[in-house]
Amino acid sequence: MNELERKIRERLARDEPEVEVLRVTWPAKATVRIYIDHPEGVDHTLCERVTRHLWDLLESWSLEVSSPGID
């Protein structure tokens, strides 16, 4: 786990304790993809809220927040 991933996990654990970060990947040079889960499911509103908690990262990265799907 690198420093950016650790920062993401720590911030979300503090700000959205019920959100579980399943995986953080870098599919492109300046893109961070974050897969999350929540006991009540993941919807667009939750993805937007998570993005707002990580807003400062948008200065350096393109963020993609999503669920891995029902599988």
Protein backbone atom coordinates (compact mmCIF):
# COMPACT_ATOMS: atom_id res chain seq x y z
CA MET A 1 0.00 0.00 0.00
CA ASN A 2 1.48 3.32 -1.02
CA GLU A 3 1.13 6.67 0.76
CA LEU A 4 -1.75 7.93 -1.39
CA GLU A 5 -3.78 4.77 -0.81
CA ARG A 6 -3.10 4.97 2.93
CA LYS A 7 -4.27 8.62 2.95
CA ILE A 8 -7.47 7.68 1.08
CA ARG A 9 -8.23 4.80 3.45
CA GLU A 10 -7.52 6.82 6.60
CA ARG A 11 -9.61 9.80 5.48
CA LEU A 12 -12.60 7.68 4.51
CA ALA A 13 -12.35 5.66 7.73
CA ARG A 14 -12.61 8.95 9.62
CA ASP A 15 -15.20 10.74 7.45
CA GLU A 16 -17.35 7.81 6.23
CA PRO A 17 -16.74 4.97 8.71
CA GLU A 18 -19.32 2.65 7.16
CA VAL A 19 -17.70 2.88 3.72
CA GLU A 20 -15.29 0.04 3.04
CA VAL A 21 -12.50 0.72 0.56
CA LEU A 22 -12.21 -2.53 -1.35
CA ARG A 23 -9.47 -1.61 -3.78
CA VAL A 24 -7.48 1.36 -5.05
CA THR A 25 -5.97 1.11 -8.53
CA TRP A 26 -4.15 3.36 -10.97
CA PRO A 27 -5.51 2.47 -14.43
CA ALA A 28 -3.75 5.45 -16.02
CA LYS A 29 -0.90 7.74 -15.09
CA ALA A 30 -3.00 10.46 -13.42
CA THR A 31 -6.10 8.44 -12.56
CA VAL A 32 -7.01 6.84 -9.25
CA ARG A 33 -9.90 4.39 -9.21
CA ILE A 34 -11.45 3.62 -5.82
CA TYR A 35 -13.84 0.71 -5.38
CA ILE A 36 -16.06 1.05 -2.32
CA ASP A 37 -18.79 -0.86 -0.56
CA HIS A 38 -21.38 0.06 2.06
CA PRO A 39 -23.77 -2.11 4.12
CA GLU A 40 -26.74 -0.37 2.45
CA GLY A 41 -25.24 -0.54 -1.04
CA VAL A 42 -23.43 1.98 -3.22
CA ASP A 43 -25.27 4.59 -5.25
CA HIS A 44 -24.30 7.78 -7.09
CA THR A 45 -24.97 9.91 -4.02
CA LEU A 46 -22.49 7.91 -1.94
CA CYS A 47 -19.87 8.04 -4.72
CA GLU A 48 -20.29 11.82 -4.90
CA ARG A 49 -19.98 12.14 -1.12
CA VAL A 50 -16.79 10.06 -1.10
CA THR A 51 -15.39 12.19 -3.93
CA ARG A 52 -16.10 15.36 -1.90
CA HIS A 53 -14.13 13.92 1.04
CA LEU A 54 -11.18 13.46 -1.33
CA TRP A 55 -11.68 16.75 -3.20
CA ASP A 56 -8.13 18.01 -2.64
CA LEU A 57 -6.76 15.01 -4.55
CA LEU A 58 -8.41 16.35 -7.71
CA GLU A 59 -5.58 18.88 -7.99
CA SER A 60 -3.21 16.06 -8.97
CA TRP A 61 -5.42 13.12 -9.87
CA SER A 62 -8.54 12.21 -11.76
CA LEU A 63 -10.74 10.27 -9.33
CA GLU A 64 -13.14 7.49 -10.22
CA VAL A 65 -15.23 6.23 -7.30
CA SER A 66 -17.48 3.23 -7.88
CA SER A 67 -18.70 -0.13 -6.68
CA PRO A 68 -17.27 -3.35 -8.06
CA GLY A 69 -20.83 -4.42 -8.87
CA ILE A 70 -23.04 -7.10 -7.44
CA ASP A 71 -20.54 -9.89 -8.11
